[in-house]
Amino acid sequence: MRKPLSKVWMSLIQQLSGSPLLRKSYEFLSRIPVVGPTLKKCSRFALPSDFLIWAVIRSGPGKGLWVHLNPRFEMEYLEGNYEPTIWRVLQSHLKPGAVFYDIGAHIGLFSLIAAQNLGVQGSVFVFEPDPSNVRRIEEHASRNRLALGIIPKAVWFTDGRMRFQRACFQSSLNRGAIAGDNLAAGESTIEVETVTLDSFGREHELPSIIKIDVEGSEAAVLQGSEGIFRSVKPVVVCEIHHAQAASDVTRWLQARGYVFEWVEDYEQFPRHLFAKYVG
């Protein structure tokens, strides 16, 4: 078992990881035959897959926010240009009084920015089932002194419990998903609580804007939110992961009086749609 990194080593890694020039050099060298594999092997030895550092977002809508990141996989968040088109869509609807539901929030980056923009004039509810991600969302909210309603559950079409396939630990942990019935149980599979948006909404503020990123289970989220869509007609930003999900989600929304448009120009998945009620 690897011993904890010394404070001096951790401080050095934190400083080096925050250097844009160093990260770009690493990315360039990683693509060179022979050099790349050797460099990656050294980085795996120097940095455990679960090693995290605190850093400040330097630019973009989240400028000034502290985030707890994995230097091997997540430092791009510091540049402030993570999914900029999605943020522009969200920002145009995060007006005073807005209630934002972030479904499948990962480490809560969009939620943090939304809470920072809304302040006391709105509410942000964060839904995330992976315990590691939930801990970081809680850390982020505390470090940045932002009010987030954190719900450590998977949003689904029923309340209960489901198996959840956690993302590979050799990644940024943003690809976890509800496990299919044919998936064998393993170390990366855990049981999580599930909640429908309708049942949650009966005891909390109803959303004016919903962001969904649930790795292919988008239709299940919508099926559990019939009451919300009948009563408050929220706008929706949804990441779509495959053609079947695109068909299911767009038909569901159109049947309830919504129109949609694709946010990106390209056609490959994953891609995002924006939808609003027109009657």
C-alpha atoms as a PDB file:
ATOM      1  CA  MET A   1       0.000   0.000   0.000  1.00  0.00           C
ATOM      2  CA  ARG A   2       1.481   3.390  -1.025  1.00  0.00           C
ATOM      3  CA  LYS A   3       2.434   5.674   1.865  1.00  0.00           C
ATOM      4  CA  PRO A   4       0.843   9.134   2.083  1.00  0.00           C
ATOM      5  CA  LEU A   5       2.697  11.821   0.145  1.00  0.00           C
ATOM      6  CA  SER A   6       4.789  14.143   2.306  1.00  0.00           C
ATOM      7  CA  LYS A   7       3.616  17.703   2.789  1.00  0.00           C
ATOM      8  CA  VAL A   8       6.587  19.011   0.800  1.00  0.00           C
ATOM      9  CA  TRP A   9       5.842  16.673  -2.108  1.00  0.00           C
ATOM     10  CA  MET A  10       2.152  17.554  -2.024  1.00  0.00           C
ATOM     11  CA  SER A  11       2.978  21.266  -2.069  1.00  0.00           C
ATOM     12  CA  LEU A  12       5.304  20.775  -5.035  1.00  0.00           C
ATOM     13  CA  ILE A  13       2.727  18.748  -6.957  1.00  0.00           C
ATOM     14  CA  GLN A  14       0.077  21.388  -6.282  1.00  0.00           C
ATOM     15  CA  GLN A  15       2.284  24.150  -7.661  1.00  0.00           C
ATOM     16  CA  LEU A  16       3.339  22.170 -10.727  1.00  0.00           C
ATOM     17  CA  SER A  17      -0.191  20.960 -11.492  1.00  0.00           C
ATOM     18  CA  GLY A  18      -1.432  24.537 -11.526  1.00  0.00           C
ATOM     19  CA  SER A  19       0.989  25.521 -14.292  1.00  0.00           C
ATOM     20  CA  PRO A  20      -0.730  25.797 -17.705  1.00  0.00           C
ATOM     21  CA  LEU A  21       2.648  25.600 -19.475  1.00  0.00           C
ATOM     22  CA  LEU A  22       3.570  22.384 -17.680  1.00  0.00           C
ATOM     23  CA  ARG A  23       0.216  20.772 -18.442  1.00  0.00           C
ATOM     24  CA  LYS A  24       0.435  21.684 -22.133  1.00  0.00           C
ATOM     25  CA  SER A  25       3.975  20.320 -22.264  1.00  0.00           C
ATOM     26  CA  TYR A  26       2.796  17.100 -20.657  1.00  0.00           C
ATOM     27  CA  GLU A  27      -0.052  16.751 -23.154  1.00  0.00           C
ATOM     28  CA  PHE A  28       2.353  17.309 -26.060  1.00  0.00           C
ATOM     29  CA  LEU A  29       4.996  14.885 -24.785  1.00  0.00           C
ATOM     30  CA  SER A  30       2.344  12.260 -24.016  1.00  0.00           C
ATOM     31  CA  ARG A  31       1.591  11.967 -27.729  1.00  0.00           C
ATOM     32  CA  ILE A  32       5.193  11.162 -28.671  1.00  0.00           C
ATOM     33  CA  PRO A  33       5.940   7.425 -29.185  1.00  0.00           C
ATOM     34  CA  VAL A  34       8.156   5.874 -26.492  1.00  0.00           C
ATOM     35  CA  VAL A  35       8.311   9.168 -24.546  1.00  0.00           C
ATOM     36  CA  GLY A  36       4.544   9.284 -23.942  1.00  0.00           C
ATOM     37  CA  PRO A  37       4.107   5.835 -22.342  1.00  0.00           C
ATOM     38  CA  THR A  38       7.182   6.381 -20.153  1.00  0.00           C
ATOM     39  CA  LEU A  39       5.930   9.775 -19.011  1.00  0.00           C
ATOM     40  CA  LYS A  40       2.482   8.385 -18.193  1.00  0.00           C
ATOM     41  CA  LYS A  41       4.022   5.524 -16.237  1.00  0.00           C
ATOM     42  CA  CYS A  42       6.061   7.980 -14.186  1.00  0.00           C
ATOM     43  CA  SER A  43       2.992  10.124 -13.502  1.00  0.00           C
ATOM     44  CA  ARG A  44       1.050   7.088 -12.290  1.00  0.00           C
ATOM     45  CA  PHE A  45       3.873   6.289  -9.883  1.00  0.00           C
ATOM     46  CA  ALA A  46       4.174   9.886  -8.644  1.00  0.00           C
ATOM     47  CA  LEU A  47       0.444  10.593  -8.392  1.00  0.00           C
ATOM     48  CA  PRO A  48      -1.981   8.018  -6.963  1.00  0.00           C
ATOM     49  CA  SER A  49      -5.230   7.869  -8.943  1.00  0.00           C
ATOM     50  CA  ASP A  50      -7.157   9.283  -5.970  1.00  0.00           C
ATOM     51  CA  PHE A  51      -4.755  12.154  -5.230  1.00  0.00           C
ATOM     52  CA  LEU A  52      -6.490  15.563  -5.109  1.00  0.00           C
ATOM     53  CA  ILE A  53      -5.271  19.147  -4.877  1.00  0.00           C
ATOM     54  CA  TRP A  54      -7.031  22.437  -4.151  1.00  0.00           C
ATOM     55  CA  ALA A  55      -6.802  25.024  -6.919  1.00  0.00           C
ATOM     56  CA  VAL A  56      -8.575  28.200  -8.048  1.00  0.00           C
ATOM     57  CA  ILE A  57     -10.394  28.509 -11.378  1.00  0.00           C
ATOM     58  CA  ARG A  58      -8.449  31.199 -13.195  1.00  0.00           C
ATOM     59  CA  SER A  59     -10.920  32.441 -15.800  1.00  0.00           C
ATOM     60  CA  GLY A  60     -14.396  32.024 -17.225  1.00  0.00           C
ATOM     61  CA  PRO A  61     -17.737  32.015 -15.398  1.00  0.00           C
ATOM     62  CA  GLY A  62     -16.310  30.145 -12.406  1.00  0.00           C
ATOM     63  CA  LYS A  63     -13.341  32.468 -11.915  1.00  0.00           C
ATOM     64  CA  GLY A  64     -12.259  32.605  -8.275  1.00  0.00           C
ATOM     65  CA  LEU A  65     -13.934  29.373  -7.197  1.00  0.00           C
ATOM     66  CA  TRP A  66     -11.885  26.842  -5.247  1.00  0.00           C
ATOM     67  CA  VAL A  67     -12.120  23.262  -6.520  1.00  0.00           C
ATOM     68  CA  HIS A  68     -10.641  19.984  -5.281  1.00  0.00           C
ATOM     69  CA  LEU A  69      -9.279  18.292  -8.399  1.00  0.00           C
ATOM     70  CA  ASN A  70      -7.392  15.242  -9.552  1.00  0.00           C
ATOM     71  CA  PRO A  71      -4.257  16.654 -11.241  1.00  0.00           C
ATOM     72  CA  ARG A  72      -4.065  13.701 -13.602  1.00  0.00           C
ATOM     73  CA  PHE A  73      -7.533  14.057 -15.105  1.00  0.00           C
ATOM     74  CA  GLU A  74      -9.312  17.289 -14.166  1.00  0.00           C
ATOM     75  CA  MET A  75      -7.009  20.291 -14.445  1.00  0.00           C
ATOM     76  CA  GLU A  76      -8.797  21.480 -17.604  1.00  0.00           C
ATOM     77  CA  TYR A  77     -11.527  22.814 -15.306  1.00  0.00           C
ATOM     78  CA  LEU A  78      -9.154  25.530 -14.120  1.00  0.00           C
ATOM     79  CA  GLU A  79      -9.013  27.137 -17.557  1.00  0.00           C
ATOM     80  CA  GLY A  80     -12.654  28.212 -17.287  1.00  0.00           C
ATOM     81  CA  ASN A  81     -13.648  26.877 -20.700  1.00  0.00           C
ATOM     82  CA  TYR A  82     -15.281  23.585 -19.730  1.00  0.00           C
ATOM     83  CA  GLU A  83     -18.435  23.146 -21.887  1.00  0.00           C
ATOM     84  CA  PRO A  84     -18.767  26.915 -22.496  1.00  0.00           C
ATOM     85  CA  THR A  85     -21.798  26.587 -24.780  1.00  0.00           C
ATOM     86  CA  ILE A  86     -23.731  24.794 -22.031  1.00  0.00           C
ATOM     87  CA  TRP A  87     -22.871  27.454 -19.516  1.00  0.00           C
ATOM     88  CA  ARG A  88     -24.036  30.224 -21.871  1.00  0.00           C
ATOM     89  CA  VAL A  89     -27.414  28.516 -22.225  1.00  0.00           C
ATOM     90  CA  LEU A  90     -27.734  28.074 -18.467  1.00  0.00           C
ATOM     91  CA  GLN A  91     -26.610  31.597 -17.688  1.00  0.00           C
ATOM     92  CA  SER A  92     -29.269  33.131 -19.909  1.00  0.00           C
ATOM     93  CA  HIS A  93     -31.946  31.493 -17.719  1.00  0.00           C
ATOM     94  CA  LEU A  94     -30.385  31.830 -14.264  1.00  0.00           C
ATOM     95  CA  LYS A  95     -32.240  34.990 -13.375  1.00  0.00           C
ATOM     96  CA  PRO A  96     -33.079  36.222  -9.841  1.00  0.00           C
ATOM     97  CA  GLY A  97     -35.545  33.799  -8.280  1.00  0.00           C
ATOM     98  CA  ALA A  98     -34.439  30.863 -10.446  1.00  0.00           C
ATOM     99  CA  VAL A  99     -34.428  27.348  -9.017  1.00  0.00           C
ATOM    100  CA  PHE A 100     -31.761  25.141 -10.614  1.00  0.00           C
ATOM    101  CA  TYR A 101     -31.827  21.321 -10.490  1.00  0.00           C
ATOM    102  CA  ASP A 102     -28.448  19.811 -11.463  1.00  0.00           C
ATOM    103  CA  ILE A 103     -29.077  16.127 -12.238  1.00  0.00           C
ATOM    104  CA  GLY A 104     -25.894  14.068 -12.371  1.00  0.00           C
ATOM    105  CA  ALA A 105     -23.721  16.882 -11.076  1.00  0.00           C
ATOM    106  CA  HIS A 106     -20.335  15.087 -10.959  1.00  0.00           C
ATOM    107  CA  ILE A 107     -18.266  17.371  -8.670  1.00  0.00           C
ATOM    108  CA  GLY A 108     -20.804  20.197  -8.871  1.00  0.00           C
ATOM    109  CA  LEU A 109     -18.992  22.648 -11.128  1.00  0.00           C
ATOM    110  CA  PHE A 110     -22.142  23.984 -12.829  1.00  0.00           C
ATOM    111  CA  SER A 111     -23.941  24.085  -9.481  1.00  0.00           C
ATOM    112  CA  LEU A 112     -21.157  26.126  -7.889  1.00  0.00           C
ATOM    113  CA  ILE A 113     -21.212  28.657 -10.719  1.00  0.00           C
ATOM    114  CA  ALA A 114     -25.008  28.834 -10.586  1.00  0.00           C
ATOM    115  CA  ALA A 115     -24.985  29.387  -6.812  1.00  0.00           C
ATOM    116  CA  GLN A 116     -22.280  32.028  -7.163  1.00  0.00           C
ATOM    117  CA  ASN A 117     -24.356  33.879  -9.765  1.00  0.00           C
ATOM    118  CA  LEU A 118     -27.707  33.575  -7.988  1.00  0.00           C
ATOM    119  CA  GLY A 119     -26.566  34.278  -4.446  1.00  0.00           C
ATOM    120  CA  VAL A 120     -29.539  34.568  -2.105  1.00  0.00           C
ATOM    121  CA  GLN A 121     -31.856  35.326  -5.031  1.00  0.00           C
ATOM    122  CA  GLY A 122     -32.254  31.718  -6.133  1.00  0.00           C
ATOM    123  CA  SER A 123     -31.787  28.080  -5.142  1.00  0.00           C
ATOM    124  CA  VAL A 124     -29.544  25.269  -6.388  1.00  0.00           C
ATOM    125  CA  PHE A 125     -30.239  21.565  -5.805  1.00  0.00           C
ATOM    126  CA  VAL A 126     -27.501  19.078  -6.660  1.00  0.00           C
ATOM    127  CA  PHE A 127     -28.262  15.410  -7.387  1.00  0.00           C
ATOM    128  CA  GLU A 128     -25.287  13.037  -7.444  1.00  0.00           C
ATOM    129  CA  PRO A 129     -25.184   9.368  -6.362  1.00  0.00           C
ATOM    130  CA  ASP A 130     -21.424   8.665  -6.350  1.00  0.00           C
ATOM    131  CA  PRO A 131     -20.178   9.024  -2.740  1.00  0.00           C
ATOM    132  CA  SER A 132     -16.737  10.290  -3.799  1.00  0.00           C
ATOM    133  CA  ASN A 133     -18.272  13.032  -5.902  1.00  0.00           C
ATOM    134  CA  VAL A 134     -20.741  13.931  -3.156  1.00  0.00           C
ATOM    135  CA  ARG A 135     -17.890  14.436  -0.690  1.00  0.00           C
ATOM    136  CA  ARG A 136     -16.196  16.826  -3.101  1.00  0.00           C
ATOM    137  CA  ILE A 137     -19.406  18.755  -3.731  1.00  0.00           C
ATOM    138  CA  GLU A 138     -19.751  19.206   0.026  1.00  0.00           C
ATOM    139  CA  GLU A 139     -16.125  20.343   0.255  1.00  0.00           C
ATOM    140  CA  HIS A 140     -16.640  22.796  -2.613  1.00  0.00           C
ATOM    141  CA  ALA A 141     -19.757  24.288  -1.077  1.00  0.00           C
ATOM    142  CA  SER A 142     -17.996  24.726   2.267  1.00  0.00           C
ATOM    143  CA  ARG A 143     -14.737  26.116   0.875  1.00  0.00           C
ATOM    144  CA  ASN A 144     -16.543  28.624  -1.349  1.00  0.00           C
ATOM    145  CA  ARG A 145     -19.239  29.443   1.234  1.00  0.00           C
ATOM    146  CA  LEU A 146     -22.043  28.689  -1.173  1.00  0.00           C
ATOM    147  CA  ALA A 147     -25.485  27.334  -0.315  1.00  0.00           C
ATOM    148  CA  LEU A 148     -26.227  24.094  -2.180  1.00  0.00           C
ATOM    149  CA  GLY A 149     -28.990  21.609  -1.521  1.00  0.00           C
ATOM    150  CA  ILE A 150     -27.049  18.357  -1.949  1.00  0.00           C
ATOM    151  CA  ILE A 151     -29.050  15.191  -2.616  1.00  0.00           C
ATOM    152  CA  PRO A 152     -26.828  12.056  -2.596  1.00  0.00           C
ATOM    153  CA  LYS A 153     -29.196  10.036  -4.776  1.00  0.00           C
ATOM    154  CA  ALA A 154     -29.671   8.992  -8.388  1.00  0.00           C
ATOM    155  CA  VAL A 155     -32.659  10.543 -10.125  1.00  0.00           C
ATOM    156  CA  TRP A 156     -34.835   7.808 -11.636  1.00  0.00           C
ATOM    157  CA  PHE A 157     -38.454   7.044 -12.545  1.00  0.00           C
ATOM    158  CA  THR A 158     -39.116   5.380  -9.160  1.00  0.00           C
ATOM    159  CA  ASP A 159     -38.097   5.953  -5.556  1.00  0.00           C
ATOM    160  CA  GLY A 160     -36.089   3.085  -4.121  1.00  0.00           C
ATOM    161  CA  ARG A 161     -32.659   1.577  -4.577  1.00  0.00           C
ATOM    162  CA  MET A 162     -30.653   0.617  -7.669  1.00  0.00           C
ATOM    163  CA  ARG A 163     -27.239  -0.694  -8.573  1.00  0.00           C
ATOM    164  CA  PHE A 164     -24.891   2.049  -9.747  1.00  0.00           C
ATOM    165  CA  GLN A 165     -21.794   1.522 -11.873  1.00  0.00           C
ATOM    166  CA  ARG A 166     -19.147   3.922 -10.636  1.00  0.00           C
ATOM    167  CA  ALA A 167     -16.804   5.508 -13.158  1.00  0.00           C
ATOM    168  CA  CYS A 168     -13.307   4.104 -13.587  1.00  0.00           C
ATOM    169  CA  PHE A 169     -10.967   5.436 -10.899  1.00  0.00           C
ATOM    170  CA  GLN A 170      -8.418   6.106 -13.648  1.00  0.00           C
ATOM    171  CA  SER A 171     -10.602   9.021 -14.769  1.00  0.00           C
ATOM    172  CA  SER A 172     -12.344  12.153 -13.529  1.00  0.00           C
ATOM    173  CA  LEU A 173     -15.230  10.019 -12.152  1.00  0.00           C
ATOM    174  CA  ASN A 174     -17.806  11.749 -14.367  1.00  0.00           C
ATOM    175  CA  ARG A 175     -19.081   8.647 -16.197  1.00  0.00           C
ATOM    176  CA  GLY A 176     -20.969   6.753 -13.516  1.00  0.00           C
ATOM    177  CA  ALA A 177     -24.395   5.370 -14.463  1.00  0.00           C
ATOM    178  CA  ILE A 178     -27.242   3.176 -13.295  1.00  0.00           C
ATOM    179  CA  ALA A 179     -26.107  -0.418 -13.815  1.00  0.00           C
ATOM    180  CA  GLY A 180     -28.027  -2.629 -16.236  1.00  0.00           C
ATOM    181  CA  ASP A 181     -29.504  -5.950 -15.127  1.00  0.00           C
ATOM    182  CA  ASN A 182     -26.949  -7.884 -17.180  1.00  0.00           C
ATOM    183  CA  LEU A 183     -23.945  -6.252 -15.502  1.00  0.00           C
ATOM    184  CA  ALA A 184     -22.170  -8.477 -13.017  1.00  0.00           C
ATOM    185  CA  ALA A 185     -21.587  -7.028  -9.574  1.00  0.00           C
ATOM    186  CA  GLY A 186     -18.039  -5.898  -8.916  1.00  0.00           C
ATOM    187  CA  GLU A 187     -15.937  -3.533  -6.842  1.00  0.00           C
ATOM    188  CA  SER A 188     -17.081  -0.568  -8.934  1.00  0.00           C
ATOM    189  CA  THR A 189     -20.777  -1.421  -8.530  1.00  0.00           C
ATOM    190  CA  ILE A 190     -22.579  -0.021  -5.495  1.00  0.00           C
ATOM    191  CA  GLU A 191     -26.187   0.278  -4.376  1.00  0.00           C
ATOM    192  CA  VAL A 192     -27.597   3.806  -4.252  1.00  0.00           C
ATOM    193  CA  GLU A 193     -30.881   5.434  -3.351  1.00  0.00           C
ATOM    194  CA  THR A 194     -33.058   6.674  -6.188  1.00  0.00           C
ATOM    195  CA  VAL A 195     -35.567   9.494  -6.184  1.00  0.00           C
ATOM    196  CA  THR A 196     -38.020  10.897  -8.705  1.00  0.00           C
ATOM    197  CA  LEU A 197     -38.091  14.626  -9.296  1.00  0.00           C
ATOM    198  CA  ASP A 198     -41.818  14.575  -8.594  1.00  0.00           C
ATOM    199  CA  SER A 199     -41.383  13.125  -5.105  1.00  0.00           C
ATOM    200  CA  PHE A 200     -38.509  15.501  -4.370  1.00  0.00           C
ATOM    201  CA  GLY A 201     -40.495  18.460  -5.671  1.00  0.00           C
ATOM    202  CA  ARG A 202     -43.389  17.771  -3.334  1.00  0.00           C
ATOM    203  CA  GLU A 203     -41.218  18.880  -0.401  1.00  0.00           C
ATOM    204  CA  HIS A 204     -38.920  21.430  -2.054  1.00  0.00           C
ATOM    205  CA  GLU A 205     -38.957  24.378  -4.427  1.00  0.00           C
ATOM    206  CA  LEU A 206     -39.881  23.407  -7.977  1.00  0.00           C
ATOM    207  CA  PRO A 207     -37.304  23.974 -10.723  1.00  0.00           C
ATOM    208  CA  SER A 208     -37.313  26.693 -13.328  1.00  0.00           C
ATOM    209  CA  ILE A 209     -34.297  25.131 -15.053  1.00  0.00           C
ATOM    210  CA  ILE A 210     -33.055  21.542 -15.123  1.00  0.00           C
ATOM    211  CA  LYS A 211     -29.682  20.259 -16.319  1.00  0.00           C
ATOM    212  CA  ILE A 212     -29.471  16.513 -16.956  1.00  0.00           C
ATOM    213  CA  ASP A 213     -26.256  14.524 -17.431  1.00  0.00           C
ATOM    214  CA  VAL A 214     -26.871  10.911 -16.483  1.00  0.00           C
ATOM    215  CA  GLU A 215     -24.933   8.849 -19.023  1.00  0.00           C
ATOM    216  CA  GLY A 216     -27.846   7.464 -21.054  1.00  0.00           C
ATOM    217  CA  SER A 217     -30.639   7.393 -18.449  1.00  0.00           C
ATOM    218  CA  GLU A 218     -32.140  10.733 -19.491  1.00  0.00           C
ATOM    219  CA  ALA A 219     -35.558   9.290 -20.363  1.00  0.00           C
ATOM    220  CA  ALA A 220     -35.849   7.679 -16.916  1.00  0.00           C
ATOM    221  CA  VAL A 221     -35.289  11.069 -15.279  1.00  0.00           C
ATOM    222  CA  LEU A 222     -38.069  12.634 -17.339  1.00  0.00           C
ATOM    223  CA  GLN A 223     -40.487   9.760 -16.674  1.00  0.00           C
ATOM    224  CA  GLY A 224     -40.261  10.512 -12.975  1.00  0.00           C
ATOM    225  CA  SER A 225     -41.012  14.214 -13.442  1.00  0.00           C
ATOM    226  CA  GLU A 226     -44.453  14.289 -15.091  1.00  0.00           C
ATOM    227  CA  GLY A 227     -45.972  16.419 -12.338  1.00  0.00           C
ATOM    228  CA  ILE A 228     -43.202  19.016 -12.461  1.00  0.00           C
ATOM    229  CA  PHE A 229     -43.458  19.406 -16.215  1.00  0.00           C
ATOM    230  CA  ARG A 230     -47.237  19.791 -15.984  1.00  0.00           C
ATOM    231  CA  SER A 231     -47.082  22.453 -13.296  1.00  0.00           C
ATOM    232  CA  VAL A 232     -44.017  24.673 -13.783  1.00  0.00           C
ATOM    233  CA  LYS A 233     -42.751  23.941 -17.331  1.00  0.00           C
ATOM    234  CA  PRO A 234     -38.979  24.218 -16.608  1.00  0.00           C
ATOM    235  CA  VAL A 235     -36.461  24.793 -19.346  1.00  0.00           C
ATOM    236  CA  VAL A 236     -34.151  21.830 -19.903  1.00  0.00           C
ATOM    237  CA  VAL A 237     -30.519  21.363 -20.855  1.00  0.00           C
ATOM    238  CA  CYS A 238     -29.834  17.677 -21.395  1.00  0.00           C
ATOM    239  CA  GLU A 239     -26.766  15.734 -22.461  1.00  0.00           C
ATOM    240  CA  ILE A 240     -27.788  12.925 -24.813  1.00  0.00           C
ATOM    241  CA  HIS A 241     -25.522   9.895 -25.055  1.00  0.00           C
ATOM    242  CA  HIS A 242     -26.898   7.793 -27.896  1.00  0.00           C
ATOM    243  CA  ALA A 243     -29.509   7.720 -30.646  1.00  0.00           C
ATOM    244  CA  GLN A 244     -32.125   5.800 -28.653  1.00  0.00           C
ATOM    245  CA  ALA A 245     -31.943   8.320 -25.840  1.00  0.00           C
ATOM    246  CA  ALA A 246     -32.264  11.138 -28.380  1.00  0.00           C
ATOM    247  CA  SER A 247     -35.439   9.600 -29.761  1.00  0.00           C
ATOM    248  CA  ASP A 248     -36.935   8.878 -26.320  1.00  0.00           C
ATOM    249  CA  VAL A 249     -36.155  12.305 -24.859  1.00  0.00           C
ATOM    250  CA  THR A 250     -37.245  14.412 -27.829  1.00  0.00           C
ATOM    251  CA  ARG A 251     -40.543  12.496 -28.244  1.00  0.00           C
ATOM    252  CA  TRP A 252     -41.280  12.832 -24.517  1.00  0.00           C
ATOM    253  CA  LEU A 253     -40.660  16.574 -24.574  1.00  0.00           C
ATOM    254  CA  GLN A 254     -42.583  17.216 -27.794  1.00  0.00           C
ATOM    255  CA  ALA A 255     -45.588  15.309 -26.455  1.00  0.00           C
ATOM    256  CA  ARG A 256     -45.709  17.808 -23.582  1.00  0.00           C
ATOM    257  CA  GLY A 257     -45.592  20.958 -25.668  1.00  0.00           C
ATOM    258  CA  TYR A 258     -41.822  21.512 -25.762  1.00  0.00           C
ATOM    259  CA  VAL A 259     -39.623  22.508 -28.669  1.00  0.00           C
ATOM    260  CA  PHE A 260     -35.919  21.724 -28.671  1.00  0.00           C
ATOM    261  CA  GLU A 261     -32.720  22.590 -30.458  1.00  0.00           C
ATOM    262  CA  TRP A 262     -29.299  20.998 -30.457  1.00  0.00           C
ATOM    263  CA  VAL A 263     -26.705  23.168 -28.757  1.00  0.00           C
ATOM    264  CA  GLU A 264     -23.748  21.956 -30.813  1.00  0.00           C
ATOM    265  CA  ASP A 265     -23.439  21.877 -34.596  1.00  0.00           C
ATOM    266  CA  TYR A 266     -21.975  18.373 -34.767  1.00  0.00           C
ATOM    267  CA  GLU A 267     -24.125  15.215 -34.822  1.00  0.00           C
ATOM    268  CA  GLN A 268     -22.039  12.680 -32.920  1.00  0.00           C
ATOM    269  CA  PHE A 269     -22.922  11.692 -29.371  1.00  0.00           C
ATOM    270  CA  PRO A 270     -22.737  12.791 -26.654  1.00  0.00           C
ATOM    271  CA  ARG A 271     -24.375  16.103 -27.542  1.00  0.00           C
ATOM    272  CA  HIS A 272     -26.687  18.535 -25.755  1.00  0.00           C
ATOM    273  CA  LEU A 273     -30.187  19.740 -26.397  1.00  0.00           C
ATOM    274  CA  PHE A 274     -31.989  22.766 -25.031  1.00  0.00           C
ATOM    275  CA  ALA A 275     -35.773  22.564 -24.661  1.00  0.00           C
ATOM    276  CA  LYS A 276     -38.479  25.006 -23.613  1.00  0.00           C
ATOM    277  CA  TYR A 277     -42.254  24.917 -23.320  1.00  0.00           C
ATOM    278  CA  VAL A 278     -44.283  26.663 -26.027  1.00  0.00           C
ATOM    279  CA  GLY A 279     -47.692  25.071 -25.465  1.00  0.00           C
END
